[in-house]
Amino acid sequence: NKENNFNIISIGRFVPLKGFDVTINSFVKFLDNNPTVDNVTLTIIGKGPSEEYLKSLAEKVKDKTIIEFISWIDREKLIEYYQKSSVFLFPSHEGAGMAVMEAMSYGPPVICFDNYGPGELIDENSGLKVIYSDYEASIEKFSRAIEKLYKDKVLYQKLSKGARERFEQNYIWDQKGLILKQIY
């Protein structure tokens, strides 16, 4: 459950554009920088051509239960994962951000690049944005963002509340518009 555990979730197709290597390497760096943390997990939901490579990156973690890979699951099960997630980690380079909006509807703060797409969907009250830089610096910045949300409970609560509010105020009608567009 969310109260006792710090569950990081990342969802999408396993392709380079989605940045799952950044997700895993940032999480590993966070663990390395904070060796005493417990009850922290990373759940990666999806599948795609980079799956074996991503699983090899996850091998860096000594306790193999800390990073969990899950293939695509049905909607009900996905909602359960969103509901028990503490943070939505989304270092995608892609312009779209439907996953970000969906995650925000369940209240986890979002950590993403400050880019077009995901970076435009969150603000300072609903998540943390990481400025683009070289690969290693990006890994460091994402790991620090995880650490900040893990350690600063007041900030965490503010961003969690803000994520839900931002979704309700800005994206519910957008969602309905997209659904109607698909129907037409």
N, C-alpha and C. Protein backbone atom coordinates (compact mmCIF):
# COMPACT_ATOMS: atom_id res chain seq x y z
N ASN A 1 0.83 -1.20 0.00
CA ASN A 1 0.00 0.00 0.00
C ASN A 1 0.86 1.25 0.00
N LYS A 2 0.24 2.35 -0.34
CA LYS A 2 0.94 3.61 -0.57
C LYS A 2 1.55 4.20 0.71
N GLU A 3 0.89 3.99 1.86
CA GLU A 3 1.33 4.61 3.11
C GLU A 3 2.69 4.09 3.58
N ASN A 4 2.91 2.79 3.46
CA ASN A 4 4.14 2.19 3.98
C ASN A 4 5.20 1.96 2.92
N ASN A 5 4.79 1.98 1.66
CA ASN A 5 5.73 1.70 0.58
C ASN A 5 5.85 2.89 -0.35
N PHE A 6 6.99 2.99 -0.99
CA PHE A 6 7.24 4.04 -1.97
C PHE A 6 7.35 3.33 -3.31
N ASN A 7 6.23 3.31 -4.03
CA ASN A 7 6.14 2.57 -5.29
C ASN A 7 6.27 3.51 -6.47
N ILE A 8 7.32 3.34 -7.22
CA ILE A 8 7.53 4.13 -8.44
C ILE A 8 7.00 3.29 -9.60
N ILE A 9 6.26 3.93 -10.50
CA ILE A 9 5.69 3.22 -11.62
C ILE A 9 6.08 3.93 -12.92
N SER A 10 6.31 3.14 -13.95
CA SER A 10 6.64 3.67 -15.28
C SER A 10 5.95 2.79 -16.30
N ILE A 11 5.28 3.41 -17.26
CA ILE A 11 4.44 2.64 -18.20
C ILE A 11 4.68 3.09 -19.63
N GLY A 12 4.73 2.12 -20.55
CA GLY A 12 4.82 2.47 -21.97
C GLY A 12 5.43 1.36 -22.80
N ARG A 13 5.65 1.68 -24.08
CA ARG A 13 6.30 0.73 -24.98
C ARG A 13 7.80 0.75 -24.70
N PHE A 14 8.41 -0.42 -24.73
CA PHE A 14 9.85 -0.52 -24.49
C PHE A 14 10.61 -0.20 -25.76
N VAL A 15 10.68 1.10 -26.06
CA VAL A 15 11.45 1.60 -27.19
C VAL A 15 12.33 2.74 -26.67
N PRO A 16 13.47 2.99 -27.33
CA PRO A 16 14.40 4.01 -26.82
C PRO A 16 13.77 5.38 -26.55
N LEU A 17 12.84 5.79 -27.39
CA LEU A 17 12.21 7.10 -27.25
C LEU A 17 11.53 7.30 -25.89
N LYS A 18 11.11 6.21 -25.27
CA LYS A 18 10.39 6.30 -24.00
C LYS A 18 11.30 6.49 -22.79
N GLY A 19 12.60 6.25 -22.95
CA GLY A 19 13.54 6.54 -21.87
C GLY A 19 13.51 5.59 -20.69
N PHE A 20 13.11 4.34 -20.90
CA PHE A 20 13.09 3.41 -19.78
C PHE A 20 14.49 3.11 -19.23
N ASP A 21 15.52 3.27 -20.07
CA ASP A 21 16.89 3.13 -19.57
C ASP A 21 17.18 4.20 -18.53
N VAL A 22 16.66 5.41 -18.76
CA VAL A 22 16.82 6.50 -17.79
C VAL A 22 16.05 6.16 -16.51
N THR A 23 14.85 5.61 -16.67
CA THR A 23 14.06 5.20 -15.51
C THR A 23 14.86 4.24 -14.63
N ILE A 24 15.37 3.18 -15.23
CA ILE A 24 16.08 2.15 -14.46
C ILE A 24 17.38 2.67 -13.89
N ASN A 25 18.19 3.33 -14.71
CA ASN A 25 19.48 3.84 -14.23
C ASN A 25 19.31 4.90 -13.14
N SER A 26 18.27 5.72 -13.23
CA SER A 26 17.99 6.72 -12.20
C SER A 26 17.59 6.05 -10.89
N PHE A 27 16.78 5.01 -11.01
CA PHE A 27 16.34 4.27 -9.82
C PHE A 27 17.53 3.58 -9.15
N VAL A 28 18.37 2.96 -9.96
CA VAL A 28 19.57 2.30 -9.43
C VAL A 28 20.46 3.34 -8.72
N LYS A 29 20.63 4.49 -9.33
CA LYS A 29 21.45 5.56 -8.74
C LYS A 29 20.83 6.03 -7.42
N PHE A 30 19.50 6.18 -7.40
CA PHE A 30 18.80 6.55 -6.17
C PHE A 30 19.09 5.54 -5.06
N LEU A 31 19.02 4.25 -5.39
CA LEU A 31 19.32 3.21 -4.40
C LEU A 31 20.78 3.28 -3.94
N ASP A 32 21.69 3.51 -4.89
CA ASP A 32 23.11 3.61 -4.54
C ASP A 32 23.38 4.80 -3.61
N ASN A 33 22.69 5.92 -3.88
CA ASN A 33 22.88 7.13 -3.08
C ASN A 33 22.18 7.05 -1.73
N ASN A 34 21.24 6.12 -1.58
CA ASN A 34 20.45 6.00 -0.35
C ASN A 34 20.38 4.54 0.07
N PRO A 35 21.52 3.98 0.50
CA PRO A 35 21.58 2.53 0.75
C PRO A 35 20.67 2.04 1.88
N THR A 36 20.17 2.95 2.71
CA THR A 36 19.33 2.49 3.83
C THR A 36 17.84 2.52 3.53
N VAL A 37 17.43 2.95 2.34
CA VAL A 37 16.00 2.99 2.04
C VAL A 37 15.42 1.58 2.02
N ASP A 38 14.18 1.47 2.43
CA ASP A 38 13.50 0.19 2.29
C ASP A 38 12.06 0.46 1.85
N ASN A 39 11.37 -0.59 1.51
CA ASN A 39 10.00 -0.48 1.02
C ASN A 39 9.89 0.41 -0.22
N VAL A 40 10.92 0.36 -1.06
CA VAL A 40 10.92 1.13 -2.31
C VAL A 40 10.94 0.13 -3.46
N THR A 41 10.04 0.33 -4.43
CA THR A 41 9.99 -0.55 -5.59
C THR A 41 9.83 0.28 -6.86
N LEU A 42 10.24 -0.33 -7.96
CA LEU A 42 10.01 0.24 -9.29
C LEU A 42 9.24 -0.81 -10.08
N THR A 43 8.07 -0.43 -10.57
CA THR A 43 7.28 -1.31 -11.42
C THR A 43 7.24 -0.72 -12.82
N ILE A 44 7.66 -1.51 -13.78
CA ILE A 44 7.69 -1.09 -15.18
C ILE A 44 6.68 -1.94 -15.94
N ILE A 45 5.67 -1.26 -16.50
CA ILE A 45 4.61 -1.97 -17.19
C ILE A 45 4.68 -1.67 -18.68
N GLY A 46 4.75 -2.73 -19.48
CA GLY A 46 4.79 -2.57 -20.92
C GLY A 46 5.51 -3.72 -21.59
N LYS A 47 5.76 -3.55 -22.87
CA LYS A 47 6.58 -4.52 -23.60
C LYS A 47 7.08 -3.85 -24.87
N GLY A 48 8.03 -4.48 -25.50
CA GLY A 48 8.57 -3.91 -26.72
C GLY A 48 9.96 -4.44 -27.01
N PRO A 49 10.56 -3.97 -28.10
CA PRO A 49 11.84 -4.52 -28.56
C PRO A 49 13.01 -4.32 -27.60
N SER A 50 12.94 -3.35 -26.69
CA SER A 50 14.06 -3.10 -25.77
C SER A 50 13.96 -3.90 -24.47
N GLU A 51 13.00 -4.79 -24.38
CA GLU A 51 12.73 -5.47 -23.10
C GLU A 51 13.95 -6.19 -22.52
N GLU A 52 14.65 -6.98 -23.33
CA GLU A 52 15.80 -7.74 -22.81
C GLU A 52 16.90 -6.80 -22.33
N TYR A 53 17.15 -5.75 -23.09
CA TYR A 53 18.15 -4.74 -22.70
C TYR A 53 17.78 -4.10 -21.37
N LEU A 54 16.52 -3.72 -21.21
CA LEU A 54 16.08 -3.08 -19.98
C LEU A 54 16.19 -4.03 -18.79
N LYS A 55 15.85 -5.29 -19.02
CA LYS A 55 15.97 -6.27 -17.94
C LYS A 55 17.44 -6.47 -17.55
N SER A 56 18.34 -6.35 -18.52
CA SER A 56 19.77 -6.47 -18.19
C SER A 56 20.24 -5.28 -17.35
N LEU A 57 19.68 -4.10 -17.61
CA LEU A 57 20.02 -2.93 -16.77
C LEU A 57 19.53 -3.14 -15.34
N ALA A 58 18.37 -3.75 -15.20
CA ALA A 58 17.77 -3.98 -13.88
C ALA A 58 18.59 -4.98 -13.07
N GLU A 59 19.42 -5.78 -13.75
CA GLU A 59 20.26 -6.76 -13.05
C GLU A 59 21.26 -6.11 -12.10
N LYS A 60 21.49 -4.80 -12.26
CA LYS A 60 22.42 -4.08 -11.37
C LYS A 60 21.93 -4.06 -9.93
N VAL A 61 20.63 -4.24 -9.73
CA VAL A 61 20.05 -4.20 -8.39
C VAL A 61 20.22 -5.56 -7.73
N LYS A 62 20.82 -5.56 -6.56
CA LYS A 62 21.10 -6.82 -5.86
C LYS A 62 19.82 -7.59 -5.52
N ASP A 63 18.84 -6.87 -4.94
CA ASP A 63 17.57 -7.51 -4.58
C ASP A 63 16.66 -7.49 -5.81
N LYS A 64 16.51 -8.63 -6.43
CA LYS A 64 15.79 -8.71 -7.71
C LYS A 64 14.30 -8.40 -7.59
N THR A 65 13.77 -8.37 -6.36
CA THR A 65 12.33 -8.09 -6.20
C THR A 65 12.02 -6.59 -6.23
N ILE A 66 13.04 -5.75 -6.20
CA ILE A 66 12.82 -4.30 -6.13
C ILE A 66 12.34 -3.74 -7.47
N ILE A 67 12.80 -4.30 -8.58
CA ILE A 67 12.33 -3.87 -9.90
C ILE A 67 11.49 -4.99 -10.50
N GLU A 68 10.26 -4.65 -10.83
CA GLU A 68 9.33 -5.63 -11.38
C GLU A 68 8.93 -5.21 -12.79
N PHE A 69 9.02 -6.15 -13.72
CA PHE A 69 8.55 -5.93 -15.09
C PHE A 69 7.21 -6.65 -15.24
N ILE A 70 6.25 -5.95 -15.82
CA ILE A 70 4.94 -6.54 -16.04
C ILE A 70 4.56 -6.26 -17.49
N SER A 71 4.13 -7.30 -18.20
CA SER A 71 3.67 -7.11 -19.56
C SER A 71 2.36 -6.34 -19.53
N TRP A 72 1.87 -5.98 -20.68
CA TRP A 72 0.59 -5.26 -20.72
C TRP A 72 -0.45 -6.05 -19.95
N ILE A 73 -1.27 -5.31 -19.21
CA ILE A 73 -2.29 -5.94 -18.38
C ILE A 73 -3.64 -5.31 -18.69
N ASP A 74 -4.70 -5.93 -18.21
CA ASP A 74 -6.03 -5.36 -18.49
C ASP A 74 -6.22 -4.07 -17.68
N ARG A 75 -7.19 -3.32 -18.09
CA ARG A 75 -7.46 -1.99 -17.54
C ARG A 75 -7.64 -2.00 -16.03
N GLU A 76 -8.41 -2.95 -15.51
CA GLU A 76 -8.68 -3.01 -14.08
C GLU A 76 -7.40 -3.19 -13.27
N LYS A 77 -6.54 -4.07 -13.74
CA LYS A 77 -5.27 -4.33 -13.06
C LYS A 77 -4.35 -3.10 -13.14
N LEU A 78 -4.36 -2.43 -14.28
CA LEU A 78 -3.55 -1.22 -14.45
C LEU A 78 -3.98 -0.15 -13.46
N ILE A 79 -5.29 0.00 -13.28
CA ILE A 79 -5.81 0.98 -12.32
C ILE A 79 -5.32 0.66 -10.92
N GLU A 80 -5.28 -0.62 -10.57
CA GLU A 80 -4.75 -1.02 -9.25
C GLU A 80 -3.31 -0.55 -9.07
N TYR A 81 -2.50 -0.71 -10.13
CA TYR A 81 -1.10 -0.28 -10.05
C TYR A 81 -1.00 1.24 -9.91
N TYR A 82 -1.82 1.96 -10.66
CA TYR A 82 -1.83 3.42 -10.51
C TYR A 82 -2.20 3.82 -9.09
N GLN A 83 -3.22 3.16 -8.54
CA GLN A 83 -3.71 3.53 -7.21
C GLN A 83 -2.68 3.29 -6.12
N LYS A 84 -1.82 2.28 -6.29
CA LYS A 84 -0.83 2.03 -5.25
C LYS A 84 0.53 2.67 -5.56
N SER A 85 0.57 3.47 -6.64
CA SER A 85 1.85 4.10 -6.99
C SER A 85 2.06 5.40 -6.20
N SER A 86 3.29 5.65 -5.83
CA SER A 86 3.67 6.87 -5.13
C SER A 86 4.15 7.94 -6.09
N VAL A 87 4.83 7.50 -7.15
CA VAL A 87 5.42 8.41 -8.13
C VAL A 87 5.27 7.82 -9.52
N PHE A 88 4.98 8.68 -10.50
CA PHE A 88 4.95 8.25 -11.89
C PHE A 88 6.22 8.80 -12.54
N LEU A 89 7.13 7.91 -12.88
CA LEU A 89 8.42 8.29 -13.47
C LEU A 89 8.32 8.11 -14.97
N PHE A 90 8.50 9.21 -15.72
CA PHE A 90 8.22 9.18 -17.15
C PHE A 90 9.25 10.01 -17.94
N PRO A 91 10.47 9.49 -18.08
CA PRO A 91 11.50 10.25 -18.79
C PRO A 91 11.44 10.08 -20.31
N SER A 92 10.24 10.18 -20.86
CA SER A 92 10.04 9.99 -22.29
C SER A 92 10.48 11.23 -23.06
N HIS A 93 10.99 10.99 -24.26
CA HIS A 93 11.38 12.09 -25.15
C HIS A 93 10.25 12.39 -26.13
N GLU A 94 9.18 11.63 -26.04
CA GLU A 94 8.08 11.71 -26.99
C GLU A 94 7.16 12.88 -26.65
N GLY A 95 6.54 13.43 -27.67
CA GLY A 95 5.67 14.59 -27.48
C GLY A 95 4.36 14.32 -26.77
N ALA A 96 3.80 13.14 -26.93
CA ALA A 96 2.50 12.85 -26.33
C ALA A 96 2.63 12.62 -24.84
N GLY A 97 1.52 12.67 -24.15
CA GLY A 97 1.60 12.47 -22.71
C GLY A 97 0.34 11.91 -22.10
N MET A 98 -0.37 11.08 -22.85
CA MET A 98 -1.62 10.51 -22.32
C MET A 98 -1.37 9.75 -21.01
N ALA A 99 -0.25 9.05 -20.94
CA ALA A 99 0.06 8.29 -19.72
C ALA A 99 0.23 9.22 -18.53
N VAL A 100 0.80 10.40 -18.75
CA VAL A 100 0.99 11.37 -17.68
C VAL A 100 -0.36 11.82 -17.13
N MET A 101 -1.28 12.18 -18.02
CA MET A 101 -2.61 12.61 -17.58
C MET A 101 -3.32 11.50 -16.82
N GLU A 102 -3.23 10.29 -17.35
CA GLU A 102 -3.88 9.16 -16.70
C GLU A 102 -3.30 8.94 -15.30
N ALA A 103 -1.98 8.98 -15.19
CA ALA A 103 -1.33 8.79 -13.89
C ALA A 103 -1.77 9.88 -12.90
N MET A 104 -1.78 11.13 -13.36
CA MET A 104 -2.15 12.24 -12.48
C MET A 104 -3.55 12.08 -11.91
N SER A 105 -4.43 11.42 -12.65
CA SER A 105 -5.80 11.25 -12.18
C SER A 105 -5.85 10.40 -10.90
N TYR A 106 -4.79 9.64 -10.63
CA TYR A 106 -4.72 8.83 -9.41
C TYR A 106 -3.86 9.46 -8.32
N GLY A 107 -3.26 10.61 -8.61
CA GLY A 107 -2.58 11.38 -7.59
C GLY A 107 -1.09 11.22 -7.41
N PRO A 108 -0.38 10.34 -8.12
CA PRO A 108 1.07 10.34 -7.88
C PRO A 108 1.72 11.55 -8.56
N PRO A 109 2.66 12.21 -7.89
CA PRO A 109 3.42 13.25 -8.56
C PRO A 109 4.17 12.63 -9.75
N VAL A 110 4.41 13.44 -10.77
CA VAL A 110 5.08 12.99 -11.98
C VAL A 110 6.50 13.53 -11.98
N ILE A 111 7.46 12.70 -12.39
CA ILE A 111 8.82 13.16 -12.65
C ILE A 111 9.07 12.92 -14.13
N CYS A 112 9.37 13.99 -14.88
CA CYS A 112 9.58 13.86 -16.32
C CYS A 112 10.58 14.92 -16.79
N PHE A 113 10.98 14.80 -18.05
CA PHE A 113 11.82 15.83 -18.64
C PHE A 113 11.00 17.10 -18.82
N ASP A 114 11.67 18.23 -18.78
CA ASP A 114 11.03 19.52 -19.05
C ASP A 114 11.01 19.69 -20.57
N ASN A 115 10.04 19.06 -21.21
CA ASN A 115 10.00 19.03 -22.67
C ASN A 115 8.59 19.31 -23.17
N TYR A 116 8.43 19.34 -24.49
CA TYR A 116 7.10 19.45 -25.06
C TYR A 116 6.42 18.11 -24.84
N GLY A 117 5.19 18.14 -24.46
CA GLY A 117 4.48 16.91 -24.14
C GLY A 117 4.42 16.76 -22.64
N PRO A 118 5.07 15.73 -22.07
CA PRO A 118 4.99 15.50 -20.63
C PRO A 118 5.33 16.74 -19.80
N GLY A 119 6.39 17.43 -20.17
CA GLY A 119 6.82 18.61 -19.41
C GLY A 119 5.82 19.74 -19.42
N GLU A 120 4.96 19.78 -20.42
CA GLU A 120 3.93 20.81 -20.48
C GLU A 120 2.70 20.44 -19.65
N LEU A 121 2.53 19.15 -19.39
CA LEU A 121 1.33 18.70 -18.69
C LEU A 121 1.40 18.90 -17.18
N ILE A 122 2.61 18.93 -16.65
CA ILE A 122 2.73 19.13 -15.20
C ILE A 122 3.23 20.54 -14.92
N ASP A 123 3.01 20.98 -13.69
CA ASP A 123 3.55 22.27 -13.25
C ASP A 123 4.25 22.06 -11.91
N GLU A 124 4.67 23.17 -11.29
CA GLU A 124 5.44 23.04 -10.04
C GLU A 124 4.60 22.51 -8.88
N ASN A 125 3.29 22.43 -9.07
CA ASN A 125 2.42 21.90 -8.02
C ASN A 125 2.02 20.44 -8.24
N SER A 126 2.46 19.84 -9.34
CA SER A 126 2.02 18.47 -9.62
C SER A 126 3.16 17.50 -9.95
N GLY A 127 4.38 18.00 -9.98
CA GLY A 127 5.49 17.10 -10.28
C GLY A 127 6.81 17.84 -10.35
N LEU A 128 7.83 17.10 -10.73
CA LEU A 128 9.18 17.65 -10.86
C LEU A 128 9.66 17.46 -12.29
N LYS A 129 10.19 18.55 -12.87
CA LYS A 129 10.71 18.50 -14.24
C LYS A 129 12.23 18.49 -14.20
N VAL A 130 12.80 17.67 -15.06
CA VAL A 130 14.25 17.56 -15.18
C VAL A 130 14.68 18.21 -16.50
N ILE A 131 15.58 19.16 -16.40
CA ILE A 131 16.10 19.86 -17.58
C ILE A 131 16.99 18.89 -18.36
N TYR A 132 16.84 18.90 -19.68
CA TYR A 132 17.71 18.07 -20.53
C TYR A 132 19.17 18.44 -20.32
N SER A 133 20.01 17.44 -20.23
CA SER A 133 21.46 17.63 -20.23
C SER A 133 22.07 16.32 -20.73
N ASP A 134 23.37 16.15 -20.55
CA ASP A 134 23.96 14.90 -21.05
C ASP A 134 23.41 13.72 -20.24
N TYR A 135 23.64 12.53 -20.75
CA TYR A 135 23.00 11.33 -20.23
C TYR A 135 23.25 11.13 -18.73
N GLU A 136 24.52 11.16 -18.33
CA GLU A 136 24.84 10.92 -16.91
C GLU A 136 24.25 11.98 -16.01
N ALA A 137 24.27 13.23 -16.45
CA ALA A 137 23.68 14.31 -15.65
C ALA A 137 22.17 14.14 -15.53
N SER A 138 21.54 13.68 -16.60
CA SER A 138 20.10 13.42 -16.56
C SER A 138 19.76 12.32 -15.56
N ILE A 139 20.56 11.26 -15.58
CA ILE A 139 20.37 10.16 -14.61
C ILE A 139 20.47 10.70 -13.19
N GLU A 140 21.49 11.51 -12.95
CA GLU A 140 21.70 12.10 -11.62
C GLU A 140 20.50 12.96 -11.22
N LYS A 141 20.02 13.78 -12.14
CA LYS A 141 18.89 14.68 -11.83
C LYS A 141 17.61 13.91 -11.54
N PHE A 142 17.35 12.87 -12.32
CA PHE A 142 16.17 12.05 -12.05
C PHE A 142 16.30 11.34 -10.71
N SER A 143 17.48 10.84 -10.38
CA SER A 143 17.66 10.14 -9.10
C SER A 143 17.47 11.11 -7.94
N ARG A 144 17.92 12.35 -8.11
CA ARG A 144 17.73 13.38 -7.06
C ARG A 144 16.26 13.75 -6.91
N ALA A 145 15.53 13.76 -8.03
CA ALA A 145 14.10 14.06 -7.96
C ALA A 145 13.36 12.95 -7.19
N ILE A 146 13.73 11.70 -7.46
CA ILE A 146 13.14 10.57 -6.71
C ILE A 146 13.44 10.75 -5.22
N GLU A 147 14.71 11.05 -4.93
CA GLU A 147 15.15 11.22 -3.54
C GLU A 147 14.37 12.34 -2.85
N LYS A 148 14.18 13.43 -3.56
CA LYS A 148 13.46 14.58 -3.00
C LYS A 148 12.04 14.17 -2.60
N LEU A 149 11.34 13.46 -3.47
CA LEU A 149 9.98 13.04 -3.15
C LEU A 149 9.95 11.96 -2.06
N TYR A 150 10.98 11.13 -2.03
CA TYR A 150 11.05 10.09 -1.01
C TYR A 150 11.27 10.70 0.38
N LYS A 151 12.14 11.71 0.46
CA LYS A 151 12.53 12.26 1.76
C LYS A 151 11.65 13.41 2.26
N ASP A 152 11.13 14.22 1.35
CA ASP A 152 10.37 15.41 1.74
C ASP A 152 8.87 15.11 1.69
N LYS A 153 8.34 14.67 2.82
CA LYS A 153 6.93 14.24 2.88
C LYS A 153 5.96 15.40 2.63
N VAL A 154 6.32 16.60 3.07
CA VAL A 154 5.46 17.77 2.88
C VAL A 154 5.37 18.09 1.38
N LEU A 155 6.51 18.12 0.71
CA LEU A 155 6.53 18.36 -0.74
C LEU A 155 5.76 17.24 -1.45
N TYR A 156 6.01 16.01 -1.02
CA TYR A 156 5.33 14.88 -1.65
C TYR A 156 3.81 15.04 -1.57
N GLN A 157 3.30 15.34 -0.37
CA GLN A 157 1.85 15.50 -0.19
C GLN A 157 1.31 16.64 -1.06
N LYS A 158 2.05 17.74 -1.11
CA LYS A 158 1.63 18.90 -1.91
C LYS A 158 1.52 18.52 -3.39
N LEU A 159 2.54 17.82 -3.91
CA LEU A 159 2.56 17.46 -5.33
C LEU A 159 1.53 16.38 -5.65
N SER A 160 1.30 15.48 -4.72
CA SER A 160 0.31 14.43 -4.93
C SER A 160 -1.08 15.06 -5.03
N LYS A 161 -1.39 15.95 -4.10
CA LYS A 161 -2.67 16.67 -4.13
C LYS A 161 -2.76 17.51 -5.41
N GLY A 162 -1.65 18.16 -5.76
CA GLY A 162 -1.62 19.02 -6.94
C GLY A 162 -1.79 18.25 -8.23
N ALA A 163 -1.27 17.03 -8.30
CA ALA A 163 -1.41 16.21 -9.51
C ALA A 163 -2.88 15.90 -9.75
N ARG A 164 -3.55 15.49 -8.71
CA ARG A 164 -4.98 15.16 -8.82
C ARG A 164 -5.78 16.40 -9.21
N GLU A 165 -5.50 17.53 -8.55
CA GLU A 165 -6.22 18.78 -8.84
C GLU A 165 -5.96 19.25 -10.27
N ARG A 166 -4.71 19.16 -10.70
CA ARG A 166 -4.39 19.60 -12.06
C ARG A 166 -5.13 18.75 -13.09
N PHE A 167 -5.19 17.45 -12.83
CA PHE A 167 -5.95 16.58 -13.73
C PHE A 167 -7.41 17.02 -13.78
N GLU A 168 -8.02 17.21 -12.62
CA GLU A 168 -9.44 17.55 -12.57
C GLU A 168 -9.72 18.89 -13.22
N GLN A 169 -8.82 19.86 -13.03
CA GLN A 169 -9.06 21.20 -13.55
C GLN A 169 -8.73 21.35 -15.03
N ASN A 170 -7.79 20.57 -15.53
CA ASN A 170 -7.30 20.81 -16.89
C ASN A 170 -7.54 19.70 -17.89
N TYR A 171 -7.66 18.48 -17.43
CA TYR A 171 -7.60 17.39 -18.40
C TYR A 171 -8.84 16.53 -18.53
N ILE A 172 -9.80 16.69 -17.65
CA ILE A 172 -10.99 15.85 -17.78
C ILE A 172 -11.71 16.15 -19.09
N TRP A 173 -11.89 17.42 -19.43
CA TRP A 173 -12.56 17.77 -20.68
C TRP A 173 -11.71 17.41 -21.88
N ASP A 174 -10.38 17.55 -21.74
CA ASP A 174 -9.50 17.13 -22.83
C ASP A 174 -9.72 15.65 -23.14
N GLN A 175 -9.82 14.86 -22.08
CA GLN A 175 -10.04 13.43 -22.25
C GLN A 175 -11.34 13.18 -23.02
N LYS A 176 -12.40 13.88 -22.62
CA LYS A 176 -13.69 13.70 -23.28
C LYS A 176 -13.60 14.10 -24.75
N GLY A 177 -12.86 15.18 -25.02
CA GLY A 177 -12.67 15.62 -26.40
C GLY A 177 -11.96 14.58 -27.24
N LEU A 178 -10.95 13.96 -26.65
CA LEU A 178 -10.21 12.91 -27.37
C LEU A 178 -11.08 11.70 -27.64
N ILE A 179 -11.90 11.35 -26.68
CA ILE A 179 -12.81 10.21 -26.85
C ILE A 179 -13.79 10.50 -27.99
N LEU A 180 -14.36 11.70 -27.96
CA LEU A 180 -15.29 12.08 -29.03
C LEU A 180 -14.61 12.09 -30.40
N LYS A 181 -13.38 12.60 -30.42
CA LYS A 181 -12.62 12.63 -31.66
C LYS A 181 -12.43 11.21 -32.22
N GLN A 182 -12.12 10.25 -31.31
CA GLN A 182 -11.94 8.87 -31.74
C GLN A 182 -13.25 8.29 -32.29
N ILE A 183 -14.35 8.63 -31.63
CA ILE A 183 -15.66 8.13 -32.07
C ILE A 183 -15.97 8.64 -33.49
N TYR A 184 -15.74 9.94 -33.70
CA TYR A 184 -16.01 10.53 -35.02
C TYR A 184 -15.07 9.98 -36.05
